[in-house]
């Protein structure tokens, strides 16, 4: 099946002030898909976007990049959210050893930065986001449910 890509806010250049609306749009577009893969260059705003999504989902505690811990867990009043950053992985087997497949199968939201480090571990269904730098202060965000 060919990928069908949507463009957040109809392709508008997105500023930090737009992230709440983008988060709501992505949550609505994802349906029941809980594993989200975020693709984009270093500094494109993947972590900032994930923070906005977590806030929309009801996370009240601080969120941050799990660059050194590999995974952060956040809680809402009714669920858990797992945020992965695989940038520092040397081998895909490190994610497997961490139990990433169990996280993906847990039914909780799983947000994954640097998914290209674990290509054979993706679940059957996932949401894919492409974050690209439009200017110093704006981004473009495309998404597809696979």
N, C-alpha and C. Protein backbone atom coordinates (compact mmCIF):
# COMPACT_ATOMS: atom_id res chain seq x y z
N UNK A 1 0.85 -1.18 0.00
CA UNK A 1 0.00 0.00 0.00
C UNK A 1 0.89 1.24 0.00
N UNK A 2 0.68 2.17 -0.91
CA UNK A 2 1.51 3.38 -0.94
C UNK A 2 1.23 4.25 0.28
N UNK A 3 2.26 4.94 0.72
CA UNK A 3 2.11 5.84 1.86
C UNK A 3 1.32 7.06 1.44
N UNK A 4 0.37 7.46 2.25
CA UNK A 4 -0.40 8.68 2.05
C UNK A 4 0.05 9.67 3.11
N UNK A 5 0.64 10.77 2.69
CA UNK A 5 1.19 11.74 3.63
C UNK A 5 0.24 12.91 3.81
N UNK A 6 0.00 13.27 5.08
CA UNK A 6 -0.72 14.49 5.41
C UNK A 6 0.28 15.56 5.79
N UNK A 7 -0.12 16.78 5.70
CA UNK A 7 0.75 17.90 6.10
C UNK A 7 0.08 18.63 7.24
N UNK A 8 0.78 18.71 8.36
CA UNK A 8 0.22 19.39 9.53
C UNK A 8 -0.13 20.83 9.19
N UNK A 9 -1.28 21.26 9.67
CA UNK A 9 -1.81 22.60 9.42
C UNK A 9 -1.84 22.91 7.92
N UNK A 10 -2.18 21.89 7.13
CA UNK A 10 -2.30 22.02 5.66
C UNK A 10 -1.03 22.50 5.00
N UNK A 11 0.11 22.12 5.55
CA UNK A 11 1.38 22.46 4.93
C UNK A 11 1.95 23.81 5.32
N UNK A 12 1.28 24.50 6.22
CA UNK A 12 1.74 25.81 6.69
C UNK A 12 3.09 25.67 7.40
N UNK A 13 3.92 26.69 7.30
CA UNK A 13 5.15 26.73 8.09
C UNK A 13 4.74 26.84 9.55
N UNK A 14 5.26 25.95 10.38
CA UNK A 14 4.81 25.83 11.77
C UNK A 14 5.82 26.48 12.71
N UNK A 15 5.30 27.36 13.55
CA UNK A 15 6.15 27.99 14.57
C UNK A 15 5.87 27.34 15.92
N UNK A 16 6.64 27.69 16.91
CA UNK A 16 6.47 27.15 18.26
C UNK A 16 5.06 27.43 18.77
N UNK A 17 4.47 28.55 18.35
CA UNK A 17 3.12 28.92 18.79
C UNK A 17 2.03 28.03 18.20
N UNK A 18 2.36 27.27 17.16
CA UNK A 18 1.40 26.40 16.50
C UNK A 18 1.39 24.98 17.05
N UNK A 19 2.32 24.66 17.94
CA UNK A 19 2.50 23.26 18.34
C UNK A 19 1.30 22.65 19.03
N UNK A 20 0.55 23.42 19.79
CA UNK A 20 -0.64 22.87 20.44
C UNK A 20 -1.64 22.38 19.39
N UNK A 21 -1.86 23.18 18.37
CA UNK A 21 -2.79 22.79 17.30
C UNK A 21 -2.25 21.60 16.51
N UNK A 22 -0.95 21.59 16.25
CA UNK A 22 -0.34 20.47 15.54
C UNK A 22 -0.49 19.19 16.36
N UNK A 23 -0.23 19.27 17.65
CA UNK A 23 -0.36 18.09 18.52
C UNK A 23 -1.78 17.53 18.46
N UNK A 24 -2.77 18.40 18.53
CA UNK A 24 -4.17 17.94 18.45
C UNK A 24 -4.45 17.29 17.11
N UNK A 25 -3.94 17.87 16.03
CA UNK A 25 -4.15 17.32 14.69
C UNK A 25 -3.52 15.92 14.58
N UNK A 26 -2.31 15.77 15.08
CA UNK A 26 -1.63 14.48 14.98
C UNK A 26 -2.32 13.41 15.82
N UNK A 27 -2.77 13.79 17.01
CA UNK A 27 -3.49 12.83 17.86
C UNK A 27 -4.76 12.37 17.17
N UNK A 28 -5.50 13.30 16.57
CA UNK A 28 -6.73 12.95 15.86
C UNK A 28 -6.42 12.06 14.65
N UNK A 29 -5.36 12.38 13.92
CA UNK A 29 -5.02 11.62 12.71
C UNK A 29 -4.53 10.22 13.02
N UNK A 30 -3.99 10.01 14.22
CA UNK A 30 -3.41 8.71 14.55
C UNK A 30 -4.45 7.64 14.86
N UNK A 31 -5.66 8.04 15.19
CA UNK A 31 -6.67 7.05 15.54
C UNK A 31 -6.21 6.23 16.74
N UNK A 32 -6.16 4.92 16.58
CA UNK A 32 -5.74 4.03 17.66
C UNK A 32 -4.28 3.64 17.58
N UNK A 33 -3.52 4.25 16.68
CA UNK A 33 -2.10 3.90 16.53
C UNK A 33 -1.32 4.54 17.67
N UNK A 34 -0.57 3.72 18.39
CA UNK A 34 0.13 4.20 19.59
C UNK A 34 1.64 4.34 19.41
N UNK A 35 2.20 3.75 18.37
CA UNK A 35 3.65 3.86 18.14
C UNK A 35 3.87 4.91 17.06
N UNK A 36 4.60 5.96 17.42
CA UNK A 36 4.86 7.07 16.51
C UNK A 36 6.36 7.19 16.30
N UNK A 37 6.77 7.26 15.04
CA UNK A 37 8.18 7.39 14.68
C UNK A 37 8.43 8.81 14.17
N UNK A 38 9.44 9.47 14.72
CA UNK A 38 9.75 10.85 14.37
C UNK A 38 11.07 10.90 13.62
N UNK A 39 11.00 11.35 12.38
CA UNK A 39 12.18 11.45 11.52
C UNK A 39 12.49 12.92 11.28
N UNK A 40 13.74 13.27 11.38
CA UNK A 40 14.15 14.65 11.11
C UNK A 40 15.59 14.84 11.55
N UNK A 41 16.24 15.84 10.99
CA UNK A 41 17.64 16.07 11.35
C UNK A 41 17.79 16.57 12.79
N UNK A 42 18.99 16.48 13.30
CA UNK A 42 19.31 17.01 14.62
C UNK A 42 18.89 18.48 14.66
N UNK A 43 18.21 18.85 15.73
CA UNK A 43 17.80 20.23 15.90
C UNK A 43 16.55 20.64 15.16
N UNK A 44 15.85 19.67 14.58
CA UNK A 44 14.64 20.01 13.81
C UNK A 44 13.41 20.23 14.69
N UNK A 45 13.48 19.81 15.94
CA UNK A 45 12.36 20.03 16.85
C UNK A 45 11.55 18.80 17.18
N UNK A 46 12.11 17.62 16.98
CA UNK A 46 11.38 16.39 17.28
C UNK A 46 10.99 16.33 18.76
N UNK A 47 11.94 16.60 19.64
CA UNK A 47 11.67 16.55 21.08
C UNK A 47 10.66 17.62 21.47
N UNK A 48 10.76 18.79 20.91
CA UNK A 48 9.81 19.88 21.22
C UNK A 48 8.40 19.48 20.78
N UNK A 49 8.28 18.85 19.63
CA UNK A 49 6.98 18.37 19.16
C UNK A 49 6.44 17.30 20.10
N UNK A 50 7.28 16.38 20.51
CA UNK A 50 6.85 15.32 21.43
C UNK A 50 6.38 15.92 22.76
N UNK A 51 7.07 16.93 23.25
CA UNK A 51 6.63 17.61 24.49
C UNK A 51 5.22 18.16 24.33
N UNK A 52 4.94 18.78 23.17
CA UNK A 52 3.60 19.34 22.93
C UNK A 52 2.55 18.24 22.86
N UNK A 53 2.89 17.13 22.23
CA UNK A 53 1.94 16.00 22.14
C UNK A 53 1.68 15.43 23.53
N UNK A 54 2.73 15.25 24.31
CA UNK A 54 2.56 14.74 25.68
C UNK A 54 1.66 15.66 26.50
N UNK A 55 1.86 16.95 26.37
CA UNK A 55 1.02 17.91 27.10
C UNK A 55 -0.45 17.75 26.69
N UNK A 56 -0.71 17.61 25.39
CA UNK A 56 -2.08 17.42 24.89
C UNK A 56 -2.69 16.12 25.41
N UNK A 57 -1.85 15.11 25.61
CA UNK A 57 -2.33 13.82 26.11
C UNK A 57 -2.51 13.81 27.63
N UNK A 58 -2.11 14.89 28.28
CA UNK A 58 -2.35 15.00 29.72
C UNK A 58 -1.15 14.83 30.62
N UNK A 59 0.05 14.81 30.06
CA UNK A 59 1.25 14.73 30.90
C UNK A 59 1.44 16.08 31.58
N UNK A 60 1.58 16.07 32.87
CA UNK A 60 1.75 17.31 33.64
C UNK A 60 3.18 17.51 34.12
N UNK A 61 3.94 16.43 34.20
CA UNK A 61 5.33 16.54 34.64
C UNK A 61 6.20 17.04 33.49
N UNK A 62 7.42 17.40 33.79
CA UNK A 62 8.33 17.85 32.75
C UNK A 62 8.71 16.72 31.81
N UNK A 63 8.88 17.04 30.57
CA UNK A 63 9.34 16.06 29.58
C UNK A 63 10.68 16.54 29.04
N UNK A 64 11.52 15.59 28.68
CA UNK A 64 12.84 15.95 28.16
C UNK A 64 13.33 14.83 27.24
N UNK A 65 14.37 15.13 26.51
CA UNK A 65 14.93 14.14 25.60
C UNK A 65 15.62 13.04 26.39
N UNK A 66 15.33 11.78 26.07
CA UNK A 66 16.00 10.66 26.74
C UNK A 66 17.31 10.26 26.06
N UNK A 67 18.07 11.23 25.58
CA UNK A 67 19.29 10.94 24.83
C UNK A 67 20.22 10.01 25.60
N UNK A 68 20.39 10.23 26.89
CA UNK A 68 21.33 9.41 27.65
C UNK A 68 20.65 8.22 28.31
N UNK A 69 19.39 8.34 28.68
CA UNK A 69 18.69 7.23 29.33
C UNK A 69 18.04 6.30 28.32
N UNK A 70 17.97 6.67 27.07
CA UNK A 70 17.35 5.95 25.94
C UNK A 70 15.83 6.00 26.00
N UNK A 71 15.22 5.84 27.19
CA UNK A 71 13.76 5.90 27.28
C UNK A 71 13.36 6.67 28.54
N UNK A 72 12.37 7.54 28.38
CA UNK A 72 11.73 8.23 29.50
C UNK A 72 10.29 7.77 29.57
N UNK A 73 9.79 7.65 30.78
CA UNK A 73 8.39 7.29 30.99
C UNK A 73 7.66 8.48 31.59
N UNK A 74 6.53 8.81 31.01
CA UNK A 74 5.67 9.88 31.52
C UNK A 74 4.33 9.26 31.87
N UNK A 75 3.61 9.90 32.77
CA UNK A 75 2.29 9.37 33.13
C UNK A 75 1.22 10.44 32.96
N UNK A 76 0.04 9.96 32.64
CA UNK A 76 -1.15 10.80 32.63
C UNK A 76 -2.06 10.23 33.71
N UNK A 77 -3.22 10.78 33.86
CA UNK A 77 -4.14 10.27 34.89
C UNK A 77 -4.63 8.86 34.58
N UNK A 78 -4.46 8.40 33.33
CA UNK A 78 -5.00 7.10 32.95
C UNK A 78 -4.04 6.21 32.16
N UNK A 79 -2.81 6.66 31.92
CA UNK A 79 -1.93 5.81 31.11
C UNK A 79 -0.46 6.22 31.26
N UNK A 80 0.38 5.46 30.56
CA UNK A 80 1.81 5.75 30.49
C UNK A 80 2.16 6.13 29.06
N UNK A 81 3.21 6.90 28.93
CA UNK A 81 3.75 7.27 27.62
C UNK A 81 5.25 7.01 27.68
N UNK A 82 5.78 6.37 26.63
CA UNK A 82 7.22 6.08 26.57
C UNK A 82 7.84 6.88 25.44
N UNK A 83 8.93 7.54 25.75
CA UNK A 83 9.63 8.41 24.80
C UNK A 83 11.05 7.86 24.63
N UNK A 84 11.36 7.42 23.42
CA UNK A 84 12.65 6.81 23.12
C UNK A 84 13.50 7.76 22.28
N UNK A 85 14.79 7.75 22.54
CA UNK A 85 15.75 8.46 21.69
C UNK A 85 16.87 7.48 21.40
N UNK A 86 16.91 6.96 20.17
CA UNK A 86 17.88 5.93 19.80
C UNK A 86 19.13 6.50 19.12
N UNK A 87 19.34 7.79 19.22
CA UNK A 87 20.48 8.42 18.56
C UNK A 87 21.81 7.77 18.96
N UNK A 88 21.96 7.44 20.22
CA UNK A 88 23.23 6.92 20.72
C UNK A 88 23.42 5.41 20.53
N UNK A 89 22.42 4.73 20.00
CA UNK A 89 22.56 3.29 19.79
C UNK A 89 23.61 3.00 18.74
N UNK A 90 24.42 2.00 19.02
CA UNK A 90 25.41 1.56 18.04
C UNK A 90 24.87 0.41 17.19
N UNK A 91 24.00 -0.43 17.82
CA UNK A 91 23.44 -1.59 17.12
C UNK A 91 21.95 -1.69 17.45
N UNK A 92 21.20 -2.15 16.48
CA UNK A 92 19.77 -2.34 16.68
C UNK A 92 19.49 -3.30 17.84
N UNK A 93 20.37 -4.25 18.04
CA UNK A 93 20.17 -5.24 19.10
C UNK A 93 20.10 -4.59 20.49
N UNK A 94 20.67 -3.40 20.64
CA UNK A 94 20.59 -2.70 21.93
C UNK A 94 19.14 -2.35 22.26
N UNK A 95 18.37 -1.94 21.27
CA UNK A 95 16.95 -1.64 21.48
C UNK A 95 16.18 -2.92 21.77
N UNK A 96 16.53 -3.97 21.07
CA UNK A 96 15.88 -5.26 21.32
C UNK A 96 16.15 -5.71 22.76
N UNK A 97 17.41 -5.59 23.20
CA UNK A 97 17.77 -5.98 24.56
C UNK A 97 17.06 -5.13 25.61
N UNK A 98 16.77 -3.89 25.26
CA UNK A 98 16.03 -2.98 26.15
C UNK A 98 14.57 -3.41 26.29
N UNK A 99 14.10 -4.23 25.36
CA UNK A 99 12.71 -4.70 25.38
C UNK A 99 11.77 -3.79 24.63
N UNK A 100 12.29 -3.11 23.61
CA UNK A 100 11.45 -2.14 22.89
C UNK A 100 10.19 -2.78 22.31
N UNK A 101 10.27 -4.02 21.90
CA UNK A 101 9.07 -4.67 21.34
C UNK A 101 7.97 -4.80 22.39
N UNK A 102 8.34 -5.05 23.63
CA UNK A 102 7.34 -5.13 24.70
C UNK A 102 6.69 -3.77 24.94
N UNK A 103 7.50 -2.72 24.89
CA UNK A 103 6.93 -1.38 25.00
C UNK A 103 5.94 -1.14 23.87
N UNK A 104 6.33 -1.47 22.64
CA UNK A 104 5.47 -1.25 21.48
C UNK A 104 4.16 -2.03 21.58
N UNK A 105 4.21 -3.20 22.19
CA UNK A 105 3.03 -4.06 22.32
C UNK A 105 2.21 -3.74 23.57
N UNK A 106 2.65 -2.79 24.39
CA UNK A 106 2.00 -2.49 25.67
C UNK A 106 0.66 -1.79 25.54
N UNK A 107 0.39 -1.19 24.38
CA UNK A 107 -0.82 -0.40 24.22
C UNK A 107 -0.67 1.04 24.65
N UNK A 108 0.50 1.38 25.19
CA UNK A 108 0.79 2.76 25.60
C UNK A 108 1.36 3.52 24.40
N UNK A 109 1.24 4.83 24.43
CA UNK A 109 1.90 5.63 23.41
C UNK A 109 3.40 5.44 23.52
N UNK A 110 4.05 5.25 22.39
CA UNK A 110 5.50 5.14 22.31
C UNK A 110 5.97 6.11 21.23
N UNK A 111 6.74 7.11 21.63
CA UNK A 111 7.26 8.11 20.71
C UNK A 111 8.74 7.84 20.50
N UNK A 112 9.16 7.66 19.25
CA UNK A 112 10.51 7.19 18.93
C UNK A 112 11.25 8.22 18.09
N UNK A 113 12.34 8.75 18.64
CA UNK A 113 13.24 9.59 17.87
C UNK A 113 14.37 8.72 17.33
N UNK A 114 14.84 9.01 16.14
CA UNK A 114 15.89 8.27 15.44
C UNK A 114 15.46 6.82 15.17
N UNK A 115 14.25 6.62 14.60
CA UNK A 115 13.77 5.27 14.32
C UNK A 115 14.60 4.52 13.28
N UNK A 116 15.36 5.24 12.47
CA UNK A 116 16.19 4.58 11.46
C UNK A 116 17.24 3.68 12.10
N UNK A 117 17.45 3.81 13.40
CA UNK A 117 18.40 2.95 14.11
C UNK A 117 17.81 1.56 14.41
N UNK A 118 16.48 1.41 14.28
CA UNK A 118 15.83 0.13 14.63
C UNK A 118 14.85 -0.33 13.54
N UNK A 119 15.21 -0.33 12.28
CA UNK A 119 14.24 -0.58 11.20
C UNK A 119 13.54 -1.93 11.25
N UNK A 120 14.16 -2.96 11.76
CA UNK A 120 13.49 -4.26 11.76
C UNK A 120 12.62 -4.48 13.00
N UNK A 121 12.57 -3.50 13.89
CA UNK A 121 11.79 -3.65 15.12
C UNK A 121 10.48 -2.88 15.10
N UNK A 122 10.16 -2.20 14.00
CA UNK A 122 8.91 -1.47 13.92
C UNK A 122 7.74 -2.44 14.04
N UNK A 123 6.67 -2.03 14.72
CA UNK A 123 5.47 -2.88 14.74
C UNK A 123 4.76 -2.82 13.39
N UNK A 124 3.72 -3.62 13.23
CA UNK A 124 2.98 -3.63 11.96
C UNK A 124 2.32 -2.29 11.67
N UNK A 125 1.78 -1.65 12.69
CA UNK A 125 1.09 -0.37 12.51
C UNK A 125 1.81 0.71 13.31
N UNK A 126 2.06 1.82 12.65
CA UNK A 126 2.70 2.94 13.34
C UNK A 126 2.40 4.23 12.59
N UNK A 127 2.60 5.32 13.29
CA UNK A 127 2.44 6.66 12.71
C UNK A 127 3.84 7.19 12.46
N UNK A 128 4.05 7.73 11.29
CA UNK A 128 5.38 8.23 10.93
C UNK A 128 5.30 9.73 10.71
N UNK A 129 6.20 10.47 11.36
CA UNK A 129 6.27 11.91 11.21
C UNK A 129 7.60 12.29 10.58
N UNK A 130 7.54 13.23 9.64
CA UNK A 130 8.75 13.82 9.07
C UNK A 130 8.78 15.28 9.48
N UNK A 131 9.81 15.66 10.22
CA UNK A 131 9.96 17.05 10.66
C UNK A 131 11.11 17.64 9.86
N UNK A 132 10.85 18.72 9.14
CA UNK A 132 11.91 19.35 8.36
C UNK A 132 12.02 20.83 8.74
N UNK A 133 13.22 21.34 8.62
CA UNK A 133 13.49 22.73 8.96
C UNK A 133 13.10 23.61 7.77
N UNK A 134 12.18 24.53 8.01
CA UNK A 134 11.73 25.46 6.98
C UNK A 134 12.54 26.76 7.06
N UNK A 135 12.76 27.24 8.28
CA UNK A 135 13.58 28.42 8.55
C UNK A 135 14.10 28.30 9.98
N UNK A 136 14.81 29.29 10.46
CA UNK A 136 15.31 29.25 11.83
C UNK A 136 14.19 29.09 12.86
N UNK A 137 13.01 29.60 12.54
CA UNK A 137 11.93 29.59 13.53
C UNK A 137 10.68 28.81 13.09
N UNK A 138 10.74 28.16 11.92
CA UNK A 138 9.57 27.39 11.48
C UNK A 138 9.97 26.01 10.97
N UNK A 139 9.00 25.11 11.01
CA UNK A 139 9.19 23.74 10.56
C UNK A 139 8.04 23.33 9.68
N UNK A 140 8.25 22.28 8.92
CA UNK A 140 7.19 21.61 8.18
C UNK A 140 7.05 20.22 8.80
N UNK A 141 5.84 19.75 8.95
CA UNK A 141 5.61 18.44 9.54
C UNK A 141 4.66 17.67 8.63
N UNK A 142 5.09 16.52 8.19
CA UNK A 142 4.26 15.61 7.41
C UNK A 142 4.04 14.34 8.24
N UNK A 143 2.93 13.67 8.01
CA UNK A 143 2.65 12.46 8.77
C UNK A 143 1.89 11.45 7.94
N UNK A 144 2.06 10.18 8.32
CA UNK A 144 1.39 9.10 7.64
C UNK A 144 1.15 7.96 8.61
N UNK A 145 -0.02 7.37 8.55
CA UNK A 145 -0.32 6.19 9.36
C UNK A 145 -0.03 4.96 8.50
N UNK A 146 0.81 4.11 8.99
CA UNK A 146 1.18 2.91 8.25
C UNK A 146 0.75 1.66 8.99
